[in-house]
Amino acid sequence: MASLFTIILSGVGVLCVGVVLTAYIYIKNPIITPITYTSPTLQASKDRLYQHVDFLTDIQPARSFDNPQSLDTAANYIAFQLEKCKKATVTRQYFEVKGKKFQNIIAIFGDTATTAQRIVIGSHYDVCGDQAGADDNGSAVAALLEIATLLEQNTQPLPYTIELVAYSLEEPPNFRTSNMGSYVHAKSLKDKGVNVKLMICLEMLGYFSDAPNSQEYPVGLLKAVYPTVGNFIAVVGNFKDRSLVKQLKKGLLKYSKVPVESINAPESLRGIDFSDHQSYWKMGYPALMITDTAFFRNPNYHQTTDTIDSLDFVRMAEIVTGLYASLWEI
């Protein structure tokens, strides 16, 4: 009996190890083969990134749902910057919420045909309440504009049509509703039958910390397999999009000097769907988020202290460079 009991215990132990290992592989999506850093030909400019965030955070009153004129000021600035790109087709997508008019700004590089495979990269430009919104989400809008600049400078054939979108109304009171600018955009693509290979959501890209225990997680157990220092960028996706998350993670590791982590988890896990990529999931499109992890790291999240002086523009430029170069790796 003792021998049988030992065999049963051993079997249970092996099963538990197998379950843990499987969960680790599916959630963390580890890169086994070492990746050598390669310096891309085109490099993002930290000075241009600063300029964009500086303009957006200076808009008064804050660019929130309650201040449509401020949102229009931000939209006009974004459109002006994108229209400098002669290779892009720039349009405005208007929509109404509670009798007020809002707009997404869209720039398409490459073939505009609905049948052409397309990568959508988007970020929201509105803020929550009266905050300046440097990290949330001025940092990501600046990244979007800098990607446009690099695409304009690019001399290589594009691997896909690249559609850049700046959204209005991601923040409360419209979060998780069909009023979100990203929902309006995603639905318009679905209605037209656009062939979207992947949507990449840029959500807070500028706050980093090298302090011990500066990184938190939605579940404490994640600290056992993820860093506790908030000096990395994260690629976030659901289980279905594991392969795309891994491809982008590899590209960022190859072309950026900033550490990269990834997580694939159920959409019910807190934070996994906390941005515009959720709108594309609702339409059945593959989508993921690149983020500095927001309130799991940044103490200024949705606070008036979310100001430009809290951002690291050197690391932001590294991430933008890496993301741009990774478009050829997806």
C-alpha atoms as a PDB file:
ATOM      1  CA  MET A   1       0.000   0.000   0.000  1.00  0.00           C
ATOM      2  CA  ALA A   2       2.812   2.375   0.885  1.00  0.00           C
ATOM      3  CA  SER A   3       4.353   1.776  -2.475  1.00  0.00           C
ATOM      4  CA  LEU A   4       1.051   2.460  -4.256  1.00  0.00           C
ATOM      5  CA  PHE A   5       0.533   5.615  -2.184  1.00  0.00           C
ATOM      6  CA  THR A   6       4.010   6.836  -3.124  1.00  0.00           C
ATOM      7  CA  ILE A   7       3.311   6.175  -6.796  1.00  0.00           C
ATOM      8  CA  ILE A   8       0.020   8.120  -6.586  1.00  0.00           C
ATOM      9  CA  LEU A   9       1.712  11.055  -4.843  1.00  0.00           C
ATOM     10  CA  SER A  10       4.473  11.085  -7.439  1.00  0.00           C
ATOM     11  CA  GLY A  11       1.903  11.074 -10.229  1.00  0.00           C
ATOM     12  CA  VAL A  12       0.003  13.962  -8.659  1.00  0.00           C
ATOM     13  CA  GLY A  13       3.265  15.858  -8.261  1.00  0.00           C
ATOM     14  CA  VAL A  14       4.187  15.362 -11.907  1.00  0.00           C
ATOM     15  CA  LEU A  15       0.686  16.437 -12.949  1.00  0.00           C
ATOM     16  CA  CYS A  16       0.907  19.607 -10.835  1.00  0.00           C
ATOM     17  CA  VAL A  17       4.304  20.457 -12.278  1.00  0.00           C
ATOM     18  CA  GLY A  18       2.916  19.896 -15.759  1.00  0.00           C
ATOM     19  CA  VAL A  19      -0.063  22.169 -15.108  1.00  0.00           C
ATOM     20  CA  VAL A  20       2.169  24.921 -13.675  1.00  0.00           C
ATOM     21  CA  LEU A  21       4.616  24.644 -16.570  1.00  0.00           C
ATOM     22  CA  THR A  22       1.811  24.763 -19.141  1.00  0.00           C
ATOM     23  CA  ALA A  23       0.288  27.812 -17.430  1.00  0.00           C
ATOM     24  CA  TYR A  24       3.710  29.484 -17.345  1.00  0.00           C
ATOM     25  CA  ILE A  25       4.257  28.909 -21.070  1.00  0.00           C
ATOM     26  CA  TYR A  26       0.778  30.085 -22.070  1.00  0.00           C
ATOM     27  CA  ILE A  27       0.752  33.155 -19.833  1.00  0.00           C
ATOM     28  CA  LYS A  28       4.347  34.422 -19.921  1.00  0.00           C
ATOM     29  CA  ASN A  29       5.018  33.248 -23.508  1.00  0.00           C
ATOM     30  CA  PRO A  30       8.778  32.991 -22.843  1.00  0.00           C
ATOM     31  CA  ILE A  31      11.457  33.459 -25.499  1.00  0.00           C
ATOM     32  CA  ILE A  32      13.802  30.472 -25.259  1.00  0.00           C
ATOM     33  CA  THR A  33      16.386  31.373 -27.906  1.00  0.00           C
ATOM     34  CA  PRO A  34      18.547  34.412 -27.015  1.00  0.00           C
ATOM     35  CA  ILE A  35      17.867  37.468 -29.181  1.00  0.00           C
ATOM     36  CA  THR A  36      20.744  39.711 -30.226  1.00  0.00           C
ATOM     37  CA  TYR A  37      20.071  43.456 -30.262  1.00  0.00           C
ATOM     38  CA  THR A  38      20.204  45.008 -33.736  1.00  0.00           C
ATOM     39  CA  SER A  39      20.324  48.769 -34.178  1.00  0.00           C
ATOM     40  CA  PRO A  40      17.634  49.893 -36.674  1.00  0.00           C
ATOM     41  CA  THR A  41      18.552  52.261 -39.491  1.00  0.00           C
ATOM     42  CA  LEU A  42      15.837  54.736 -38.504  1.00  0.00           C
ATOM     43  CA  GLN A  43      15.718  55.948 -34.903  1.00  0.00           C
ATOM     44  CA  ALA A  44      12.900  57.701 -33.075  1.00  0.00           C
ATOM     45  CA  SER A  45      13.583  61.211 -31.763  1.00  0.00           C
ATOM     46  CA  LYS A  46      13.144  61.866 -28.040  1.00  0.00           C
ATOM     47  CA  ASP A  47      12.973  65.591 -28.820  1.00  0.00           C
ATOM     48  CA  ARG A  48       9.996  65.177 -31.164  1.00  0.00           C
ATOM     49  CA  LEU A  49       8.299  62.916 -28.617  1.00  0.00           C
ATOM     50  CA  TYR A  50       8.772  65.608 -25.973  1.00  0.00           C
ATOM     51  CA  GLN A  51       7.389  68.276 -28.291  1.00  0.00           C
ATOM     52  CA  HIS A  52       4.174  66.319 -28.883  1.00  0.00           C
ATOM     53  CA  VAL A  53       3.577  65.532 -25.203  1.00  0.00           C
ATOM     54  CA  ASP A  54       4.366  69.125 -24.265  1.00  0.00           C
ATOM     55  CA  PHE A  55       1.712  70.457 -26.643  1.00  0.00           C
ATOM     56  CA  LEU A  56      -0.971  68.007 -25.525  1.00  0.00           C
ATOM     57  CA  THR A  57      -0.397  68.525 -21.806  1.00  0.00           C
ATOM     58  CA  ASP A  58      -0.519  72.312 -22.206  1.00  0.00           C
ATOM     59  CA  ILE A  59      -4.076  72.258 -23.618  1.00  0.00           C
ATOM     60  CA  GLN A  60      -6.514  73.952 -21.252  1.00  0.00           C
ATOM     61  CA  PRO A  61      -9.043  73.032 -20.080  1.00  0.00           C
ATOM     62  CA  ALA A  62      -8.070  69.365 -20.044  1.00  0.00           C
ATOM     63  CA  ARG A  63      -8.875  67.318 -23.145  1.00  0.00           C
ATOM     64  CA  SER A  64     -11.732  65.332 -21.597  1.00  0.00           C
ATOM     65  CA  PHE A  65     -15.282  64.414 -22.622  1.00  0.00           C
ATOM     66  CA  ASP A  66     -16.560  67.559 -20.878  1.00  0.00           C
ATOM     67  CA  ASN A  67     -14.329  69.792 -22.999  1.00  0.00           C
ATOM     68  CA  PRO A  68     -14.972  69.048 -26.704  1.00  0.00           C
ATOM     69  CA  GLN A  69     -13.149  72.195 -27.800  1.00  0.00           C
ATOM     70  CA  SER A  70      -9.968  70.988 -26.095  1.00  0.00           C
ATOM     71  CA  LEU A  71     -10.382  67.608 -27.766  1.00  0.00           C
ATOM     72  CA  ASP A  72     -10.706  69.415 -31.096  1.00  0.00           C
ATOM     73  CA  THR A  73      -7.490  71.323 -30.357  1.00  0.00           C
ATOM     74  CA  ALA A  74      -5.710  68.029 -29.763  1.00  0.00           C
ATOM     75  CA  ALA A  75      -7.284  66.462 -32.866  1.00  0.00           C
ATOM     76  CA  ASN A  76      -6.266  69.405 -35.062  1.00  0.00           C
ATOM     77  CA  TYR A  77      -2.686  69.170 -33.798  1.00  0.00           C
ATOM     78  CA  ILE A  78      -2.558  65.431 -34.489  1.00  0.00           C
ATOM     79  CA  ALA A  79      -4.040  65.893 -37.960  1.00  0.00           C
ATOM     80  CA  PHE A  80      -1.556  68.686 -38.731  1.00  0.00           C
ATOM     81  CA  GLN A  81       1.382  66.474 -37.757  1.00  0.00           C
ATOM     82  CA  LEU A  82       0.093  63.510 -39.771  1.00  0.00           C
ATOM     83  CA  GLU A  83      -0.598  65.669 -42.819  1.00  0.00           C
ATOM     84  CA  LYS A  84       3.114  66.466 -42.959  1.00  0.00           C
ATOM     85  CA  CYS A  85       3.525  62.875 -44.114  1.00  0.00           C
ATOM     86  CA  LYS A  86       3.049  62.999 -47.884  1.00  0.00           C
ATOM     87  CA  LYS A  87       2.997  59.198 -48.099  1.00  0.00           C
ATOM     88  CA  ALA A  88      -0.097  59.039 -45.896  1.00  0.00           C
ATOM     89  CA  THR A  89      -3.795  59.382 -46.667  1.00  0.00           C
ATOM     90  CA  VAL A  90      -5.184  61.375 -43.734  1.00  0.00           C
ATOM     91  CA  THR A  91      -8.894  61.542 -42.875  1.00  0.00           C
ATOM     92  CA  ARG A  92     -11.139  62.443 -39.968  1.00  0.00           C
ATOM     93  CA  GLN A  93     -13.834  60.097 -38.713  1.00  0.00           C
ATOM     94  CA  TYR A  94     -16.611  62.054 -36.990  1.00  0.00           C
ATOM     95  CA  PHE A  95     -19.164  60.632 -34.573  1.00  0.00           C
ATOM     96  CA  GLU A  96     -21.675  61.997 -32.077  1.00  0.00           C
ATOM     97  CA  VAL A  97     -22.189  61.221 -28.407  1.00  0.00           C
ATOM     98  CA  LYS A  98     -24.943  62.906 -26.393  1.00  0.00           C
ATOM     99  CA  GLY A  99     -25.330  65.612 -29.025  1.00  0.00           C
ATOM    100  CA  LYS A 100     -21.615  66.460 -29.127  1.00  0.00           C
ATOM    101  CA  LYS A 101     -19.329  65.841 -32.102  1.00  0.00           C
ATOM    102  CA  PHE A 102     -16.025  63.984 -31.681  1.00  0.00           C
ATOM    103  CA  GLN A 103     -13.426  62.689 -34.094  1.00  0.00           C
ATOM    104  CA  ASN A 104     -10.817  60.028 -34.765  1.00  0.00           C
ATOM    105  CA  ILE A 105      -7.824  61.018 -36.869  1.00  0.00           C
ATOM    106  CA  ILE A 106      -6.682  58.367 -39.349  1.00  0.00           C
ATOM    107  CA  ALA A 107      -3.513  58.096 -41.460  1.00  0.00           C
ATOM    108  CA  ILE A 108      -3.064  55.190 -43.880  1.00  0.00           C
ATOM    109  CA  PHE A 109       0.332  54.297 -45.327  1.00  0.00           C
ATOM    110  CA  GLY A 110       0.199  51.895 -48.270  1.00  0.00           C
ATOM    111  CA  ASP A 111      -2.644  50.246 -50.147  1.00  0.00           C
ATOM    112  CA  THR A 112      -6.031  51.547 -48.979  1.00  0.00           C
ATOM    113  CA  ALA A 113      -7.964  48.621 -50.519  1.00  0.00           C
ATOM    114  CA  THR A 114     -10.060  46.691 -47.995  1.00  0.00           C
ATOM    115  CA  THR A 115      -8.542  43.418 -49.233  1.00  0.00           C
ATOM    116  CA  ALA A 116      -4.963  44.480 -48.455  1.00  0.00           C
ATOM    117  CA  GLN A 117      -3.639  43.027 -45.188  1.00  0.00           C
ATOM    118  CA  ARG A 118      -3.544  45.813 -42.642  1.00  0.00           C
ATOM    119  CA  ILE A 119      -1.934  46.508 -39.291  1.00  0.00           C
ATOM    120  CA  VAL A 120      -3.793  49.100 -37.238  1.00  0.00           C
ATOM    121  CA  ILE A 121      -1.847  51.045 -34.595  1.00  0.00           C
ATOM    122  CA  GLY A 122      -3.921  53.256 -32.328  1.00  0.00           C
ATOM    123  CA  SER A 123      -3.835  55.431 -29.225  1.00  0.00           C
ATOM    124  CA  HIS A 124      -6.426  57.606 -27.504  1.00  0.00           C
ATOM    125  CA  TYR A 125      -5.838  61.314 -27.038  1.00  0.00           C
ATOM    126  CA  ASP A 126      -8.488  62.132 -24.437  1.00  0.00           C
ATOM    127  CA  VAL A 127      -7.865  62.238 -20.673  1.00  0.00           C
ATOM    128  CA  CYS A 128      -9.802  61.363 -17.544  1.00  0.00           C
ATOM    129  CA  GLY A 129     -11.116  64.415 -15.688  1.00  0.00           C
ATOM    130  CA  ASP A 130      -8.824  67.399 -15.318  1.00  0.00           C
ATOM    131  CA  GLN A 131      -5.456  65.655 -15.507  1.00  0.00           C
ATOM    132  CA  ALA A 132      -2.709  66.809 -17.871  1.00  0.00           C
ATOM    133  CA  GLY A 133      -2.444  63.270 -19.228  1.00  0.00           C
ATOM    134  CA  ALA A 134       1.275  63.049 -19.981  1.00  0.00           C
ATOM    135  CA  ASP A 135       1.638  59.291 -19.652  1.00  0.00           C
ATOM    136  CA  ASP A 136      -2.096  58.645 -20.067  1.00  0.00           C
ATOM    137  CA  ASN A 137      -2.100  59.010 -22.955  1.00  0.00           C
ATOM    138  CA  GLY A 138       0.060  61.812 -24.338  1.00  0.00           C
ATOM    139  CA  SER A 139       3.015  59.423 -24.376  1.00  0.00           C
ATOM    140  CA  ALA A 140       1.232  57.019 -26.724  1.00  0.00           C
ATOM    141  CA  VAL A 141      -0.085  59.751 -29.018  1.00  0.00           C
ATOM    142  CA  ALA A 142       3.461  61.076 -29.304  1.00  0.00           C
ATOM    143  CA  ALA A 143       4.617  57.549 -30.152  1.00  0.00           C
ATOM    144  CA  LEU A 144       1.931  57.282 -32.830  1.00  0.00           C
ATOM    145  CA  LEU A 145       3.057  60.553 -34.424  1.00  0.00           C
ATOM    146  CA  GLU A 146       6.696  59.496 -34.299  1.00  0.00           C
ATOM    147  CA  ILE A 147       5.871  56.189 -35.998  1.00  0.00           C
ATOM    148  CA  ALA A 148       4.232  58.261 -38.740  1.00  0.00           C
ATOM    149  CA  THR A 149       7.423  60.276 -39.120  1.00  0.00           C
ATOM    150  CA  LEU A 150       9.509  57.105 -39.407  1.00  0.00           C
ATOM    151  CA  LEU A 151       7.080  55.658 -41.969  1.00  0.00           C
ATOM    152  CA  GLU A 152       7.442  58.876 -43.962  1.00  0.00           C
ATOM    153  CA  GLN A 153      11.246  58.543 -43.843  1.00  0.00           C
ATOM    154  CA  ASN A 154      11.114  54.837 -44.686  1.00  0.00           C
ATOM    155  CA  THR A 155      12.528  53.667 -48.034  1.00  0.00           C
ATOM    156  CA  GLN A 156      11.678  49.942 -47.713  1.00  0.00           C
ATOM    157  CA  PRO A 157       8.531  48.363 -49.177  1.00  0.00           C
ATOM    158  CA  LEU A 158       5.900  48.129 -46.437  1.00  0.00           C
ATOM    159  CA  PRO A 159       5.085  44.569 -45.337  1.00  0.00           C
ATOM    160  CA  TYR A 160       1.427  45.522 -44.843  1.00  0.00           C
ATOM    161  CA  THR A 161      -0.813  48.540 -45.108  1.00  0.00           C
ATOM    162  CA  ILE A 162      -0.243  50.508 -41.890  1.00  0.00           C
ATOM    163  CA  GLU A 163      -3.201  52.427 -40.477  1.00  0.00           C
ATOM    164  CA  LEU A 164      -2.497  54.862 -37.633  1.00  0.00           C
ATOM    165  CA  VAL A 165      -5.473  56.054 -35.608  1.00  0.00           C
ATOM    166  CA  ALA A 166      -5.776  58.623 -32.815  1.00  0.00           C
ATOM    167  CA  TYR A 167      -9.014  58.025 -30.905  1.00  0.00           C
ATOM    168  CA  SER A 168     -11.262  60.203 -28.855  1.00  0.00           C
ATOM    169  CA  LEU A 169     -13.309  59.019 -25.842  1.00  0.00           C
ATOM    170  CA  GLU A 170     -11.430  56.060 -24.417  1.00  0.00           C
ATOM    171  CA  GLU A 171     -11.702  57.367 -20.862  1.00  0.00           C
ATOM    172  CA  PRO A 172     -14.717  57.377 -18.504  1.00  0.00           C
ATOM    173  CA  PRO A 173     -17.613  57.994 -18.817  1.00  0.00           C
ATOM    174  CA  ASN A 174     -17.364  56.252 -22.212  1.00  0.00           C
ATOM    175  CA  PHE A 175     -14.955  53.437 -21.354  1.00  0.00           C
ATOM    176  CA  ARG A 176     -16.221  49.962 -22.345  1.00  0.00           C
ATOM    177  CA  THR A 177     -19.100  51.438 -24.366  1.00  0.00           C
ATOM    178  CA  SER A 178     -19.909  51.797 -28.050  1.00  0.00           C
ATOM    179  CA  ASN A 179     -19.186  55.526 -27.631  1.00  0.00           C
ATOM    180  CA  MET A 180     -15.439  54.885 -27.600  1.00  0.00           C
ATOM    181  CA  GLY A 181     -13.682  56.229 -30.655  1.00  0.00           C
ATOM    182  CA  SER A 182     -11.917  52.901 -31.040  1.00  0.00           C
ATOM    183  CA  TYR A 183     -15.259  51.071 -31.100  1.00  0.00           C
ATOM    184  CA  VAL A 184     -16.486  53.433 -33.829  1.00  0.00           C
ATOM    185  CA  HIS A 185     -13.326  52.792 -35.828  1.00  0.00           C
ATOM    186  CA  ALA A 186     -13.230  49.017 -35.299  1.00  0.00           C
ATOM    187  CA  LYS A 187     -16.882  48.691 -36.303  1.00  0.00           C
ATOM    188  CA  SER A 188     -16.289  50.752 -39.445  1.00  0.00           C
ATOM    189  CA  LEU A 189     -13.490  48.375 -40.471  1.00  0.00           C
ATOM    190  CA  LYS A 190     -15.684  45.363 -39.771  1.00  0.00           C
ATOM    191  CA  ASP A 191     -18.587  46.850 -41.737  1.00  0.00           C
ATOM    192  CA  LYS A 192     -16.285  47.439 -44.720  1.00  0.00           C
ATOM    193  CA  GLY A 193     -14.734  43.988 -44.485  1.00  0.00           C
ATOM    194  CA  VAL A 194     -11.202  45.346 -44.013  1.00  0.00           C
ATOM    195  CA  ASN A 195      -8.556  42.625 -43.772  1.00  0.00           C
ATOM    196  CA  VAL A 196      -6.962  43.426 -40.383  1.00  0.00           C
ATOM    197  CA  LYS A 197      -3.990  41.210 -39.554  1.00  0.00           C
ATOM    198  CA  LEU A 198      -3.417  42.855 -36.169  1.00  0.00           C
ATOM    199  CA  MET A 199      -4.384  45.861 -34.080  1.00  0.00           C
ATOM    200  CA  ILE A 200      -1.683  47.276 -31.789  1.00  0.00           C
ATOM    201  CA  CYS A 201      -2.937  49.500 -28.994  1.00  0.00           C
ATOM    202  CA  LEU A 202      -0.482  52.001 -27.519  1.00  0.00           C
ATOM    203  CA  GLU A 203      -1.452  52.725 -23.910  1.00  0.00           C
ATOM    204  CA  MET A 204       0.878  54.656 -21.596  1.00  0.00           C
ATOM    205  CA  LEU A 205       4.492  54.258 -22.737  1.00  0.00           C
ATOM    206  CA  GLY A 206       6.484  56.784 -20.744  1.00  0.00           C
ATOM    207  CA  TYR A 207       6.738  55.916 -17.036  1.00  0.00           C
ATOM    208  CA  PHE A 208       9.610  53.751 -15.796  1.00  0.00           C
ATOM    209  CA  SER A 209      11.197  53.120 -12.434  1.00  0.00           C
ATOM    210  CA  ASP A 210      14.419  51.395 -11.436  1.00  0.00           C
ATOM    211  CA  ALA A 211      13.425  51.296  -7.773  1.00  0.00           C
ATOM    212  CA  PRO A 212      12.992  47.938  -6.006  1.00  0.00           C
ATOM    213  CA  ASN A 213       9.375  46.747  -5.754  1.00  0.00           C
ATOM    214  CA  SER A 214       8.168  49.483  -8.116  1.00  0.00           C
ATOM    215  CA  GLN A 215       6.074  47.021 -10.152  1.00  0.00           C
ATOM    216  CA  GLU A 216       2.734  45.557  -9.054  1.00  0.00           C
ATOM    217  CA  TYR A 217       0.428  43.024 -10.715  1.00  0.00           C
ATOM    218  CA  PRO A 218      -3.297  42.204 -10.719  1.00  0.00           C
ATOM    219  CA  VAL A 219      -2.497  38.876  -9.026  1.00  0.00           C
ATOM    220  CA  GLY A 220       0.258  38.602  -6.431  1.00  0.00           C
ATOM    221  CA  LEU A 221       1.422  35.223  -7.759  1.00  0.00           C
ATOM    222  CA  LEU A 222       2.621  36.929 -10.943  1.00  0.00           C
ATOM    223  CA  LYS A 223       5.493  38.418  -8.929  1.00  0.00           C
ATOM    224  CA  ALA A 224       6.996  34.940  -8.865  1.00  0.00           C
ATOM    225  CA  VAL A 225       7.565  34.948 -12.634  1.00  0.00           C
ATOM    226  CA  TYR A 226       7.657  38.649 -13.569  1.00  0.00           C
ATOM    227  CA  PRO A 227      10.050  41.468 -12.531  1.00  0.00           C
ATOM    228  CA  THR A 228       9.310  43.531  -9.426  1.00  0.00           C
ATOM    229  CA  VAL A 229      11.198  46.518 -10.889  1.00  0.00           C
ATOM    230  CA  GLY A 230       9.167  48.680 -13.283  1.00  0.00           C
ATOM    231  CA  ASN A 231      11.822  49.215 -15.942  1.00  0.00           C
ATOM    232  CA  PHE A 232      10.266  47.180 -18.775  1.00  0.00           C
ATOM    233  CA  ILE A 233       7.577  47.508 -21.416  1.00  0.00           C
ATOM    234  CA  ALA A 234       4.785  44.936 -21.595  1.00  0.00           C
ATOM    235  CA  VAL A 235       3.030  43.314 -24.552  1.00  0.00           C
ATOM    236  CA  VAL A 236      -0.448  42.235 -23.452  1.00  0.00           C
ATOM    237  CA  GLY A 237      -2.864  39.923 -25.221  1.00  0.00           C
ATOM    238  CA  ASN A 238      -5.449  37.186 -24.808  1.00  0.00           C
ATOM    239  CA  PHE A 239      -4.813  33.461 -25.287  1.00  0.00           C
ATOM    240  CA  LYS A 240      -6.036  33.483 -28.888  1.00  0.00           C
ATOM    241  CA  ASP A 241      -3.374  35.972 -30.008  1.00  0.00           C
ATOM    242  CA  ARG A 242      -0.393  34.263 -28.345  1.00  0.00           C
ATOM    243  CA  SER A 243       1.629  33.887 -31.548  1.00  0.00           C
ATOM    244  CA  LEU A 244       1.241  37.555 -32.502  1.00  0.00           C
ATOM    245  CA  VAL A 245       2.210  38.666 -28.994  1.00  0.00           C
ATOM    246  CA  LYS A 246       5.321  36.513 -29.199  1.00  0.00           C
ATOM    247  CA  GLN A 247       6.288  37.857 -32.632  1.00  0.00           C
ATOM    248  CA  LEU A 248       6.007  41.459 -31.490  1.00  0.00           C
ATOM    249  CA  LYS A 249       7.854  40.677 -28.261  1.00  0.00           C
ATOM    250  CA  LYS A 250      10.724  39.197 -30.286  1.00  0.00           C
ATOM    251  CA  GLY A 251      10.835  42.275 -32.497  1.00  0.00           C
ATOM    252  CA  LEU A 252      10.949  44.658 -29.544  1.00  0.00           C
ATOM    253  CA  LEU A 253      13.710  42.627 -27.898  1.00  0.00           C
ATOM    254  CA  LYS A 254      15.677  42.671 -31.152  1.00  0.00           C
ATOM    255  CA  TYR A 255      15.349  46.374 -31.938  1.00  0.00           C
ATOM    256  CA  SER A 256      14.988  48.068 -28.545  1.00  0.00           C
ATOM    257  CA  LYS A 257      17.254  48.306 -25.503  1.00  0.00           C
ATOM    258  CA  VAL A 258      14.310  48.409 -23.091  1.00  0.00           C
ATOM    259  CA  PRO A 259      13.473  45.063 -21.412  1.00  0.00           C
ATOM    260  CA  VAL A 260      10.279  43.455 -22.713  1.00  0.00           C
ATOM    261  CA  GLU A 261       7.773  41.241 -20.897  1.00  0.00           C
ATOM    262  CA  SER A 262       4.578  39.735 -22.236  1.00  0.00           C
ATOM    263  CA  ILE A 263       1.397  38.234 -20.846  1.00  0.00           C
ATOM    264  CA  ASN A 264      -1.416  36.284 -22.442  1.00  0.00           C
ATOM    265  CA  ALA A 265      -4.351  35.895 -20.129  1.00  0.00           C
ATOM    266  CA  PRO A 266      -8.151  35.702 -20.002  1.00  0.00           C
ATOM    267  CA  GLU A 267      -9.850  39.008 -20.715  1.00  0.00           C
ATOM    268  CA  SER A 268     -11.391  38.750 -17.246  1.00  0.00           C
ATOM    269  CA  LEU A 269      -7.988  39.335 -15.614  1.00  0.00           C
ATOM    270  CA  ARG A 270      -7.878  42.909 -14.330  1.00  0.00           C
ATOM    271  CA  GLY A 271      -6.063  45.197 -16.747  1.00  0.00           C
ATOM    272  CA  ILE A 272      -5.871  42.842 -19.734  1.00  0.00           C
ATOM    273  CA  ASP A 273      -8.559  44.702 -21.692  1.00  0.00           C
ATOM    274  CA  PHE A 274      -8.083  48.169 -20.185  1.00  0.00           C
ATOM    275  CA  SER A 275      -7.744  50.123 -23.423  1.00  0.00           C
ATOM    276  CA  ASP A 276      -8.793  50.464 -27.046  1.00  0.00           C
ATOM    277  CA  HIS A 277      -7.749  46.966 -28.151  1.00  0.00           C
ATOM    278  CA  GLN A 278     -10.903  45.627 -26.480  1.00  0.00           C
ATOM    279  CA  SER A 279     -12.978  47.299 -29.229  1.00  0.00           C
ATOM    280  CA  TYR A 280     -11.218  45.198 -31.874  1.00  0.00           C
ATOM    281  CA  TRP A 281     -11.668  42.004 -29.875  1.00  0.00           C
ATOM    282  CA  LYS A 282     -15.390  42.732 -29.922  1.00  0.00           C
ATOM    283  CA  MET A 283     -15.232  42.792 -33.745  1.00  0.00           C
ATOM    284  CA  GLY A 284     -13.286  39.526 -33.884  1.00  0.00           C
ATOM    285  CA  TYR A 285      -9.969  41.114 -34.858  1.00  0.00           C
ATOM    286  CA  PRO A 286      -6.597  40.066 -33.376  1.00  0.00           C
ATOM    287  CA  ALA A 287      -5.404  42.809 -31.039  1.00  0.00           C
ATOM    288  CA  LEU A 288      -2.825  43.444 -28.340  1.00  0.00           C
ATOM    289  CA  MET A 289      -1.626  46.283 -26.123  1.00  0.00           C
ATOM    290  CA  ILE A 290       1.829  47.736 -25.519  1.00  0.00           C
ATOM    291  CA  THR A 291       2.006  49.475 -22.152  1.00  0.00           C
ATOM    292  CA  ASP A 292       4.140  50.539 -19.208  1.00  0.00           C
ATOM    293  CA  THR A 293       1.389  48.773 -17.158  1.00  0.00           C
ATOM    294  CA  ALA A 294      -0.392  51.979 -16.034  1.00  0.00           C
ATOM    295  CA  PHE A 295      -1.548  51.951 -12.395  1.00  0.00           C
ATOM    296  CA  PHE A 296       0.388  48.768 -11.665  1.00  0.00           C
ATOM    297  CA  ARG A 297       3.483  50.995 -11.807  1.00  0.00           C
ATOM    298  CA  ASN A 298       2.660  54.666 -12.285  1.00  0.00           C
ATOM    299  CA  PRO A 299       1.445  56.398  -9.087  1.00  0.00           C
ATOM    300  CA  ASN A 300       0.279  59.360 -11.206  1.00  0.00           C
ATOM    301  CA  TYR A 301      -2.400  57.357 -13.022  1.00  0.00           C
ATOM    302  CA  HIS A 302      -5.551  59.504 -13.394  1.00  0.00           C
ATOM    303  CA  GLN A 303      -4.011  62.144 -11.129  1.00  0.00           C
ATOM    304  CA  THR A 304      -3.097  65.777 -11.765  1.00  0.00           C
ATOM    305  CA  THR A 305       0.514  64.717 -11.157  1.00  0.00           C
ATOM    306  CA  ASP A 306       0.573  62.881 -14.515  1.00  0.00           C
ATOM    307  CA  THR A 307       2.845  65.569 -15.960  1.00  0.00           C
ATOM    308  CA  ILE A 308       5.579  65.664 -18.574  1.00  0.00           C
ATOM    309  CA  ASP A 309       8.410  65.785 -16.041  1.00  0.00           C
ATOM    310  CA  SER A 310       7.502  62.257 -14.879  1.00  0.00           C
ATOM    311  CA  LEU A 311       8.262  60.676 -18.265  1.00  0.00           C
ATOM    312  CA  ASP A 312      11.444  59.024 -19.558  1.00  0.00           C
ATOM    313  CA  PHE A 313      11.814  60.152 -23.164  1.00  0.00           C
ATOM    314  CA  VAL A 314      15.017  58.201 -23.788  1.00  0.00           C
ATOM    315  CA  ARG A 315      13.274  54.900 -23.071  1.00  0.00           C
ATOM    316  CA  MET A 316      10.175  56.062 -24.931  1.00  0.00           C
ATOM    317  CA  ALA A 317      12.277  56.659 -28.050  1.00  0.00           C
ATOM    318  CA  GLU A 318      13.781  53.181 -27.715  1.00  0.00           C
ATOM    319  CA  ILE A 319      10.315  51.626 -27.598  1.00  0.00           C
ATOM    320  CA  VAL A 320       9.067  53.572 -30.616  1.00  0.00           C
ATOM    321  CA  THR A 321      12.177  52.629 -32.581  1.00  0.00           C
ATOM    322  CA  GLY A 322      11.688  48.991 -31.631  1.00  0.00           C
ATOM    323  CA  LEU A 323       8.010  48.968 -32.493  1.00  0.00           C
ATOM    324  CA  TYR A 324       8.567  50.609 -35.870  1.00  0.00           C
ATOM    325  CA  ALA A 325      11.311  48.150 -36.814  1.00  0.00           C
ATOM    326  CA  SER A 326       9.197  45.236 -35.561  1.00  0.00           C
ATOM    327  CA  LEU A 327       6.498  45.914 -38.156  1.00  0.00           C
ATOM    328  CA  TRP A 328       8.674  43.958 -40.619  1.00  0.00           C
ATOM    329  CA  GLU A 329       8.868  41.015 -38.189  1.00  0.00           C
ATOM    330  CA  ILE A 330       5.139  40.351 -37.650  1.00  0.00           C
END
